[in-house]
Amino acid sequence: MNAIRSPMAAAILHFLAGTRIYVQSAGVRAGELDPFAAAAMDEIGIDISRHRPVSIEELEDTSFDLIVTLAPEAHHKALELTRTMAADVEYWPTIDPSAVAGNREQIMEAYRAVRDQLFERIKARFAFASAPQA
């Protein structure tokens, strides 16, 4: 619902690349930004509190070179979208931390794990070897 993983990934890439790379976050459906996602990102100094979830259909510009999907449903939607586009699609299976139950700290640990996994994956994929650590 463009509420957790995608906004985190987009914010991390924007943090690492600045304006060198155009990045947009979208989901299969639009929901509400997850407060745990915002809190996990805030811990590393990246503010996503102003992110407004949008669906893929709501994107104004779809001229992407690469679409990275983080969930199976989003991957299928991206493949459908790119049938008539010259864009690559990569699938990075990423757990949904909102499925974790427990106390606040256990839930935050799941969000931190997703955040850290995305950070490392993005650094490796886009060759940010000397990227600043947030």
Protein backbone atom coordinates (compact mmCIF):
# COMPACT_ATOMS: atom_id res chain seq x y z
CA MET A 1 0.00 0.00 0.00
CA ASN A 2 3.01 2.26 -0.52
CA ALA A 3 3.24 2.68 3.22
CA ILE A 4 6.38 0.88 4.42
CA ARG A 5 8.97 -0.76 2.19
CA SER A 6 8.76 1.35 -0.95
CA PRO A 7 8.81 4.72 0.84
CA MET A 8 11.77 3.51 2.91
CA ALA A 9 13.65 2.38 -0.20
CA ALA A 10 12.90 5.56 -2.13
CA ALA A 11 14.03 7.75 0.77
CA ILE A 12 17.24 5.76 1.19
CA LEU A 13 18.06 6.03 -2.51
CA HIS A 14 17.31 9.75 -2.46
CA PHE A 15 19.52 10.11 0.63
CA LEU A 16 22.41 8.30 -1.08
CA ALA A 17 22.06 9.74 -4.59
CA GLY A 18 20.55 13.16 -4.02
CA THR A 19 19.34 14.54 -7.32
CA ARG A 20 21.57 12.29 -9.44
CA ILE A 21 18.82 9.67 -9.67
CA TYR A 22 15.09 10.24 -10.13
CA VAL A 23 13.21 8.03 -7.70
CA GLN A 24 9.48 7.64 -7.10
CA SER A 25 7.66 5.37 -4.70
CA ALA A 26 4.32 3.76 -5.56
CA GLY A 27 2.30 0.74 -4.53
CA VAL A 28 -0.38 -1.55 -5.84
CA ARG A 29 -2.83 0.39 -3.67
CA ALA A 30 -2.45 3.63 -1.74
CA GLY A 31 -2.81 3.44 2.02
CA GLU A 32 -1.57 5.52 4.92
CA LEU A 33 2.09 5.96 5.84
CA ASP A 34 2.99 3.48 8.56
CA PRO A 35 4.17 5.29 11.71
CA PHE A 36 6.67 2.51 12.52
CA ALA A 37 8.27 3.00 9.09
CA ALA A 38 8.58 6.72 9.77
CA ALA A 39 10.06 6.04 13.21
CA ALA A 40 12.60 3.53 11.88
CA MET A 41 13.75 5.96 9.21
CA ASP A 42 13.86 8.85 11.66
CA GLU A 43 16.32 6.82 13.75
CA ILE A 44 18.87 7.13 10.92
CA GLY A 45 18.09 10.76 10.17
CA ILE A 46 15.85 10.27 7.13
CA ASP A 47 12.43 11.91 7.34
CA ILE A 48 9.60 10.19 5.46
CA SER A 49 6.82 11.76 7.51
CA ARG A 50 5.65 13.86 4.54
CA HIS A 51 5.40 10.84 2.20
CA ARG A 52 1.91 10.50 0.76
CA PRO A 53 1.22 6.96 -0.45
CA VAL A 54 0.19 6.66 -4.11
CA SER A 55 -0.77 3.76 -6.31
CA ILE A 56 1.03 2.90 -9.52
CA GLU A 57 -1.96 4.21 -11.47
CA GLU A 58 -1.57 7.61 -9.80
CA LEU A 59 2.01 8.15 -11.02
CA GLU A 60 2.20 11.14 -13.32
CA ASP A 61 5.52 10.10 -14.88
CA THR A 62 6.16 6.46 -15.76
CA SER A 63 9.30 6.93 -17.83
CA PHE A 64 11.55 4.83 -15.61
CA ASP A 65 14.67 2.94 -16.60
CA LEU A 66 14.36 0.58 -13.66
CA ILE A 67 11.51 -0.50 -11.44
CA VAL A 68 12.39 -2.31 -8.24
CA THR A 69 9.58 -4.25 -6.62
CA LEU A 70 9.63 -5.45 -3.03
CA ALA A 71 6.48 -7.59 -2.83
CA PRO A 72 5.06 -10.29 -5.15
CA GLU A 73 1.86 -8.41 -6.00
CA ALA A 74 3.83 -5.26 -6.84
CA HIS A 75 6.18 -7.29 -9.02
CA HIS A 76 3.33 -8.71 -11.08
CA LYS A 77 1.84 -5.23 -11.44
CA ALA A 78 5.19 -3.81 -12.59
CA LEU A 79 5.64 -6.57 -15.16
CA GLU A 80 2.16 -5.81 -16.48
CA LEU A 81 2.94 -2.07 -16.62
CA THR A 82 6.24 -2.55 -18.45
CA ARG A 83 4.94 -4.78 -21.24
CA THR A 84 4.89 -1.68 -23.44
CA MET A 85 7.81 0.13 -21.81
CA ALA A 86 11.57 -0.08 -22.15
CA ALA A 87 12.15 -0.47 -18.42
CA ASP A 88 13.90 -3.19 -16.47
CA VAL A 89 12.12 -4.74 -13.50
CA GLU A 90 13.96 -6.25 -10.55
CA TYR A 91 12.33 -8.13 -7.71
CA TRP A 92 13.91 -7.80 -4.28
CA PRO A 93 11.86 -10.03 -1.95
CA THR A 94 11.43 -8.04 1.24
CA ILE A 95 9.47 -9.13 4.29
CA ASP A 96 6.50 -7.08 5.39
CA PRO A 97 7.40 -5.92 8.90
CA SER A 98 3.77 -5.04 9.66
CA ALA A 99 3.10 -8.78 9.93
CA VAL A 100 5.32 -9.03 13.03
CA ALA A 101 3.52 -9.23 16.35
CA GLY A 102 4.86 -8.39 19.77
CA ASN A 103 5.68 -5.39 21.87
CA ARG A 104 6.76 -2.06 20.40
CA GLU A 105 10.47 -2.91 20.53
CA GLN A 106 9.95 -6.27 18.75
CA ILE A 107 7.93 -4.54 16.04
CA MET A 108 10.55 -1.79 15.67
CA GLU A 109 13.26 -4.44 15.32
CA ALA A 110 11.40 -5.87 12.31
CA TYR A 111 11.16 -2.42 10.72
CA ARG A 112 14.84 -1.75 11.44
CA ALA A 113 15.79 -5.04 9.82
CA VAL A 114 13.87 -4.14 6.65
CA ARG A 115 15.36 -0.64 6.64
CA ASP A 116 18.90 -1.97 7.06
CA GLN A 117 18.41 -4.68 4.43
CA LEU A 118 17.14 -2.09 1.94
CA PHE A 119 20.00 0.29 2.77
CA GLU A 120 22.62 -2.38 2.08
CA ARG A 121 20.88 -3.66 -1.05
CA ILE A 122 20.57 -0.15 -2.49
CA LYS A 123 24.21 0.68 -1.71
CA ALA A 124 25.32 -2.50 -3.47
CA ARG A 125 22.98 -2.20 -6.48
CA PHE A 126 23.70 1.42 -7.21
CA ALA A 127 27.42 1.27 -6.34
CA PHE A 128 27.42 3.56 -3.34
CA ALA A 129 30.51 1.90 -1.84
CA SER A 130 31.52 4.97 0.11
CA ALA A 131 28.00 6.03 1.01
CA PRO A 132 27.53 7.96 4.22
CA GLN A 133 26.16 5.91 7.05
CA ALA A 134 23.01 7.42 8.43
